[in-house]
Amino acid sequence: MKTGKVKFFNETKGFGFIIDDEQAQEIFVHQTGLVHEIRENDRVAFEVIDGKKGLNAVKVERI
């Protein structure tokens, strides 16, 4: 699993972005990919899959 930090997450719209620790790239996250609720600046572990518009974080959990 990869690790990173939540840059932004909009609870109302159900999506946001995580900054990957390894490559410092933004990865899209949707609420359907969450194991735990997340907030801005949370440290998270996640897996990455190819989505319709790029990389998506799934199985996202706070660490």
PDB file of N, CA and C in Angstrom:
ATOM      1  N   MET A   1       0.833  -1.194   0.000  1.00  0.00           N
ATOM      2  CA  MET A   1       0.000   0.000   0.000  1.00  0.00           C
ATOM      3  C   MET A   1       0.873   1.252   0.000  1.00  0.00           C
ATOM      4  N   LYS A   2       0.359   2.284  -0.629  1.00  0.00           N
ATOM      5  CA  LYS A   2       1.054   3.572  -0.636  1.00  0.00           C
ATOM      6  C   LYS A   2       0.606   4.381   0.578  1.00  0.00           C
ATOM      7  N   THR A   3       1.376   5.408   0.886  1.00  0.00           N
ATOM      8  CA  THR A   3       0.998   6.318   1.965  1.00  0.00           C
ATOM      9  C   THR A   3       1.005   7.738   1.433  1.00  0.00           C
ATOM     10  N   GLY A   4       0.295   8.610   2.132  1.00  0.00           N
ATOM     11  CA  GLY A   4       0.239  10.000   1.709  1.00  0.00           C
ATOM     12  C   GLY A   4      -0.526  10.835   2.712  1.00  0.00           C
ATOM     13  N   LYS A   5      -0.831  12.058   2.279  1.00  0.00           N
ATOM     14  CA  LYS A   5      -1.524  13.023   3.124  1.00  0.00           C
ATOM     15  C   LYS A   5      -2.707  13.586   2.343  1.00  0.00           C
ATOM     16  N   VAL A   6      -3.836  13.726   3.002  1.00  0.00           N
ATOM     17  CA  VAL A   6      -5.025  14.281   2.356  1.00  0.00           C
ATOM     18  C   VAL A   6      -4.810  15.777   2.137  1.00  0.00           C
ATOM     19  N   LYS A   7      -4.800  16.191   0.880  1.00  0.00           N
ATOM     20  CA  LYS A   7      -4.637  17.599   0.549  1.00  0.00           C
ATOM     21  C   LYS A   7      -5.960  18.342   0.700  1.00  0.00           C
ATOM     22  N   PHE A   8      -7.027  17.686   0.254  1.00  0.00           N
ATOM     23  CA  PHE A   8      -8.341  18.316   0.199  1.00  0.00           C
ATOM     24  C   PHE A   8      -9.388  17.213   0.180  1.00  0.00           C
ATOM     25  N   PHE A   9     -10.480  17.391   0.917  1.00  0.00           N
ATOM     26  CA  PHE A   9     -11.606  16.463   0.812  1.00  0.00           C
ATOM     27  C   PHE A   9     -12.894  17.213   1.099  1.00  0.00           C
ATOM     28  N   ASN A  10     -13.809  17.204   0.137  1.00  0.00           N
ATOM     29  CA  ASN A  10     -15.099  17.877   0.260  1.00  0.00           C
ATOM     30  C   ASN A  10     -16.142  16.829   0.643  1.00  0.00           C
ATOM     31  N   GLU A  11     -16.565  16.829   1.908  1.00  0.00           N
ATOM     32  CA  GLU A  11     -17.535  15.840   2.387  1.00  0.00           C
ATOM     33  C   GLU A  11     -18.875  15.962   1.673  1.00  0.00           C
ATOM     34  N   THR A  12     -19.284  17.174   1.336  1.00  0.00           N
ATOM     35  CA  THR A  12     -20.568  17.394   0.674  1.00  0.00           C
ATOM     36  C   THR A  12     -20.584  16.763  -0.720  1.00  0.00           C
ATOM     37  N   LYS A  13     -19.511  16.967  -1.464  1.00  0.00           N
ATOM     38  CA  LYS A  13     -19.430  16.424  -2.832  1.00  0.00           C
ATOM     39  C   LYS A  13     -18.859  15.007  -2.868  1.00  0.00           C
ATOM     40  N   GLY A  14     -18.185  14.591  -1.793  1.00  0.00           N
ATOM     41  CA  GLY A  14     -17.719  13.211  -1.694  1.00  0.00           C
ATOM     42  C   GLY A  14     -16.440  12.891  -2.441  1.00  0.00           C
ATOM     43  N   PHE A  15     -15.581  13.875  -2.636  1.00  0.00           N
ATOM     44  CA  PHE A  15     -14.317  13.594  -3.313  1.00  0.00           C
ATOM     45  C   PHE A  15     -13.231  14.529  -2.817  1.00  0.00           C
ATOM     46  N   GLY A  16     -11.994  14.210  -3.189  1.00  0.00           N
ATOM     47  CA  GLY A  16     -10.860  15.048  -2.829  1.00  0.00           C
ATOM     48  C   GLY A  16      -9.586  14.525  -3.462  1.00  0.00           C
ATOM     49  N   PHE A  17      -8.447  14.931  -2.886  1.00  0.00           N
ATOM     50  CA  PHE A  17      -7.149  14.533  -3.427  1.00  0.00           C
ATOM     51  C   PHE A  17      -6.185  14.182  -2.307  1.00  0.00           C
ATOM     52  N   ILE A  18      -5.351  13.205  -2.575  1.00  0.00           N
ATOM     53  CA  ILE A  18      -4.293  12.771  -1.662  1.00  0.00           C
ATOM     54  C   ILE A  18      -2.964  13.044  -2.349  1.00  0.00           C
ATOM     55  N   ILE A  19      -1.982  13.533  -1.584  1.00  0.00           N
ATOM     56  CA  ILE A  19      -0.632  13.708  -2.114  1.00  0.00           C
ATOM     57  C   ILE A  19       0.173  12.463  -1.743  1.00  0.00           C
ATOM     58  N   ASP A  20       0.617  11.738  -2.746  1.00  0.00           N
ATOM     59  CA  ASP A  20       1.397  10.515  -2.577  1.00  0.00           C
ATOM     60  C   ASP A  20       2.780  10.845  -2.005  1.00  0.00           C
ATOM     61  N   ASP A  21       3.203  10.118  -0.964  1.00  0.00           N
ATOM     62  CA  ASP A  21       4.507  10.368  -0.346  1.00  0.00           C
ATOM     63  C   ASP A  21       5.678  10.115  -1.298  1.00  0.00           C
ATOM     64  N   GLU A  22       5.587   9.082  -2.128  1.00  0.00           N
ATOM     65  CA  GLU A  22       6.706   8.694  -2.988  1.00  0.00           C
ATOM     66  C   GLU A  22       6.972   9.688  -4.118  1.00  0.00           C
ATOM     67  N   GLN A  23       5.925  10.055  -4.843  1.00  0.00           N
ATOM     68  CA  GLN A  23       6.114  10.878  -6.045  1.00  0.00           C
ATOM     69  C   GLN A  23       5.534  12.277  -5.899  1.00  0.00           C
ATOM     70  N   ALA A  24       4.950  12.572  -4.746  1.00  0.00           N
ATOM     71  CA  ALA A  24       4.339  13.887  -4.474  1.00  0.00           C
ATOM     72  C   ALA A  24       3.325  14.276  -5.551  1.00  0.00           C
ATOM     73  N   GLN A  25       2.619  13.286  -6.108  1.00  0.00           N
ATOM     74  CA  GLN A  25       1.607  13.593  -7.103  1.00  0.00           C
ATOM     75  C   GLN A  25       0.217  13.533  -6.457  1.00  0.00           C
ATOM     76  N   GLU A  26      -0.712  14.287  -7.027  1.00  0.00           N
ATOM     77  CA  GLU A  26      -2.088  14.305  -6.537  1.00  0.00           C
ATOM     78  C   GLU A  26      -2.832  13.106  -7.097  1.00  0.00           C
ATOM     79  N   ILE A  27      -3.523  12.397  -6.208  1.00  0.00           N
ATOM     80  CA  ILE A  27      -4.321  11.245  -6.617  1.00  0.00           C
ATOM     81  C   ILE A  27      -5.757  11.487  -6.173  1.00  0.00           C
ATOM     82  N   PHE A  28      -6.675  11.331  -7.104  1.00  0.00           N
ATOM     83  CA  PHE A  28      -8.097  11.546  -6.839  1.00  0.00           C
ATOM     84  C   PHE A  28      -8.617  10.493  -5.873  1.00  0.00           C
ATOM     85  N   VAL A  29      -9.488  10.895  -4.956  1.00  0.00           N
ATOM     86  CA  VAL A  29     -10.150   9.949  -4.055  1.00  0.00           C
ATOM     87  C   VAL A  29     -11.639  10.270  -4.002  1.00  0.00           C
ATOM     88  N   HIS A  30     -12.462   9.229  -4.132  1.00  0.00           N
ATOM     89  CA  HIS A  30     -13.918   9.380  -4.045  1.00  0.00           C
ATOM     90  C   HIS A  30     -14.383   8.670  -2.785  1.00  0.00           C
ATOM     91  N   GLN A  31     -15.492   9.130  -2.218  1.00  0.00           N
ATOM     92  CA  GLN A  31     -15.971   8.559  -0.966  1.00  0.00           C
ATOM     93  C   GLN A  31     -16.240   7.057  -1.053  1.00  0.00           C
ATOM     94  N   THR A  32     -16.502   6.531  -2.244  1.00  0.00           N
ATOM     95  CA  THR A  32     -16.741   5.096  -2.394  1.00  0.00           C
ATOM     96  C   THR A  32     -15.463   4.288  -2.174  1.00  0.00           C
ATOM     97  N   GLY A  33     -14.286   4.958  -2.216  1.00  0.00           N
ATOM     98  CA  GLY A  33     -13.021   4.272  -2.012  1.00  0.00           C
ATOM     99  C   GLY A  33     -12.503   4.358  -0.582  1.00  0.00           C
ATOM    100  N   LEU A  34     -13.321   4.881   0.334  1.00  0.00           N
ATOM    101  CA  LEU A  34     -12.866   5.080   1.708  1.00  0.00           C
ATOM    102  C   LEU A  34     -13.207   3.902   2.608  1.00  0.00           C
ATOM    103  N   VAL A  35     -12.258   3.529   3.458  1.00  0.00           N
ATOM    104  CA  VAL A  35     -12.505   2.571   4.531  1.00  0.00           C
ATOM    105  C   VAL A  35     -12.893   3.357   5.781  1.00  0.00           C
ATOM    106  N   HIS A  36     -12.162   4.449   6.048  1.00  0.00           N
ATOM    107  CA  HIS A  36     -12.451   5.357   7.165  1.00  0.00           C
ATOM    108  C   HIS A  36     -12.799   6.728   6.597  1.00  0.00           C
ATOM    109  N   GLU A  37     -13.501   7.550   7.396  1.00  0.00           N
ATOM    110  CA  GLU A  37     -13.709   8.934   7.014  1.00  0.00           C
ATOM    111  C   GLU A  37     -12.361   9.643   7.033  1.00  0.00           C
ATOM    112  N   ILE A  38     -12.172  10.571   6.112  1.00  0.00           N
ATOM    113  CA  ILE A  38     -10.905  11.313   6.064  1.00  0.00           C
ATOM    114  C   ILE A  38     -11.179  12.804   6.062  1.00  0.00           C
ATOM    115  N   ARG A  39     -10.179  13.551   6.508  1.00  0.00           N
ATOM    116  CA  ARG A  39     -10.233  15.008   6.513  1.00  0.00           C
ATOM    117  C   ARG A  39      -8.907  15.546   6.005  1.00  0.00           C
ATOM    118  N   GLU A  40      -8.918  16.827   5.670  1.00  0.00           N
ATOM    119  CA  GLU A  40      -7.706  17.499   5.220  1.00  0.00           C
ATOM    120  C   GLU A  40      -6.574  17.286   6.229  1.00  0.00           C
ATOM    121  N   ASN A  41      -5.384  17.002   5.736  1.00  0.00           N
ATOM    122  CA  ASN A  41      -4.151  16.778   6.495  1.00  0.00           C
ATOM    123  C   ASN A  41      -4.052  15.425   7.195  1.00  0.00           C
ATOM    124  N   ASP A  42      -5.047  14.536   7.055  1.00  0.00           N
ATOM    125  CA  ASP A  42      -4.933  13.185   7.616  1.00  0.00           C
ATOM    126  C   ASP A  42      -3.839  12.414   6.887  1.00  0.00           C
ATOM    127  N   ARG A  43      -3.111  11.575   7.623  1.00  0.00           N
ATOM    128  CA  ARG A  43      -2.163  10.638   7.020  1.00  0.00           C
ATOM    129  C   ARG A  43      -2.965   9.395   6.655  1.00  0.00           C
ATOM    130  N   VAL A  44      -2.762   8.888   5.439  1.00  0.00           N
ATOM    131  CA  VAL A  44      -3.549   7.753   4.968  1.00  0.00           C
ATOM    132  C   VAL A  44      -2.684   6.713   4.260  1.00  0.00           C
ATOM    133  N   ALA A  45      -3.197   5.497   4.238  1.00  0.00           N
ATOM    134  CA  ALA A  45      -2.632   4.413   3.436  1.00  0.00           C
ATOM    135  C   ALA A  45      -3.702   4.051   2.411  1.00  0.00           C
ATOM    136  N   PHE A  46      -3.280   3.690   1.203  1.00  0.00           N
ATOM    137  CA  PHE A  46      -4.256   3.451   0.128  1.00  0.00           C
ATOM    138  C   PHE A  46      -3.636   2.625  -0.988  1.00  0.00           C
ATOM    139  N   GLU A  47      -4.497   2.114  -1.845  1.00  0.00           N
ATOM    140  CA  GLU A  47      -4.078   1.456  -3.073  1.00  0.00           C
ATOM    141  C   GLU A  47      -4.485   2.346  -4.238  1.00  0.00           C
ATOM    142  N   VAL A  48      -3.840   2.166  -5.372  1.00  0.00           N
ATOM    143  CA  VAL A  48      -4.106   3.006  -6.539  1.00  0.00           C
ATOM    144  C   VAL A  48      -4.603   2.139  -7.689  1.00  0.00           C
ATOM    145  N   ILE A  49      -5.666   2.616  -8.344  1.00  0.00           N
ATOM    146  CA  ILE A  49      -6.164   1.960  -9.555  1.00  0.00           C
ATOM    147  C   ILE A  49      -6.284   3.005 -10.653  1.00  0.00           C
ATOM    148  N   ASP A  50      -6.349   2.539 -11.904  1.00  0.00           N
ATOM    149  CA  ASP A  50      -6.582   3.445 -13.031  1.00  0.00           C
ATOM    150  C   ASP A  50      -8.067   3.740 -13.124  1.00  0.00           C
ATOM    151  N   GLY A  51      -8.420   5.007 -13.085  1.00  0.00           N
ATOM    152  CA  GLY A  51      -9.816   5.422 -13.204  1.00  0.00           C
ATOM    153  C   GLY A  51     -10.078   5.996 -14.582  1.00  0.00           C
ATOM    154  N   LYS A  52     -11.279   6.527 -14.775  1.00  0.00           N
ATOM    155  CA  LYS A  52     -11.657   7.099 -16.068  1.00  0.00           C
ATOM    156  C   LYS A  52     -10.803   8.299 -16.454  1.00  0.00           C
ATOM    157  N   LYS A  53     -10.391   9.094 -15.444  1.00  0.00           N
ATOM    158  CA  LYS A  53      -9.644  10.326 -15.731  1.00  0.00           C
ATOM    159  C   LYS A  53      -8.247  10.319 -15.126  1.00  0.00           C
ATOM    160  N   GLY A  54      -7.741   9.160 -14.770  1.00  0.00           N
ATOM    161  CA  GLY A  54      -6.404   9.084 -14.175  1.00  0.00           C
ATOM    162  C   GLY A  54      -6.395   8.158 -12.969  1.00  0.00           C
ATOM    163  N   LEU A  55      -5.429   8.358 -12.095  1.00  0.00           N
ATOM    164  CA  LEU A  55      -5.279   7.487 -10.943  1.00  0.00           C
ATOM    165  C   LEU A  55      -6.318   7.795  -9.866  1.00  0.00           C
ATOM    166  N   ASN A  56      -6.838   6.735  -9.253  1.00  0.00           N
ATOM    167  CA  ASN A  56      -7.803   6.856  -8.159  1.00  0.00           C
ATOM    168  C   ASN A  56      -7.276   6.103  -6.949  1.00  0.00           C
ATOM    169  N   ALA A  57      -7.424   6.704  -5.773  1.00  0.00           N
ATOM    170  CA  ALA A  57      -7.075   6.032  -4.525  1.00  0.00           C
ATOM    171  C   ALA A  57      -8.282   5.228  -4.046  1.00  0.00           C
ATOM    172  N   VAL A  58      -8.031   3.966  -3.661  1.00  0.00           N
ATOM    173  CA  VAL A  58      -9.091   3.117  -3.126  1.00  0.00           C
ATOM    174  C   VAL A  58      -8.583   2.444  -1.853  1.00  0.00           C
ATOM    175  N   LYS A  59      -9.493   1.855  -1.102  1.00  0.00           N
ATOM    176  CA  LYS A  59      -9.164   1.210   0.175  1.00  0.00           C
ATOM    177  C   LYS A  59      -8.391   2.180   1.075  1.00  0.00           C
ATOM    178  N   VAL A  60      -8.874   3.425   1.115  1.00  0.00           N
ATOM    179  CA  VAL A  60      -8.191   4.503   1.854  1.00  0.00           C
ATOM    180  C   VAL A  60      -8.521   4.406   3.332  1.00  0.00           C
ATOM    181  N   GLU A  61      -7.475   4.320   4.158  1.00  0.00           N
ATOM    182  CA  GLU A  61      -7.679   4.273   5.601  1.00  0.00           C
ATOM    183  C   GLU A  61      -6.703   5.189   6.308  1.00  0.00           C
ATOM    184  N   ARG A  62      -7.155   5.814   7.404  1.00  0.00           N
ATOM    185  CA  ARG A  62      -6.288   6.677   8.204  1.00  0.00           C
ATOM    186  C   ARG A  62      -5.221   5.846   8.885  1.00  0.00           C
ATOM    187  N   ILE A  63      -4.031   6.438   9.012  1.00  0.00           N
ATOM    188  CA  ILE A  63      -2.943   5.771   9.751  1.00  0.00           C
ATOM    189  C   ILE A  63      -2.422   6.679  10.837  1.00  0.00           C
TER     190      ILE A  63
END
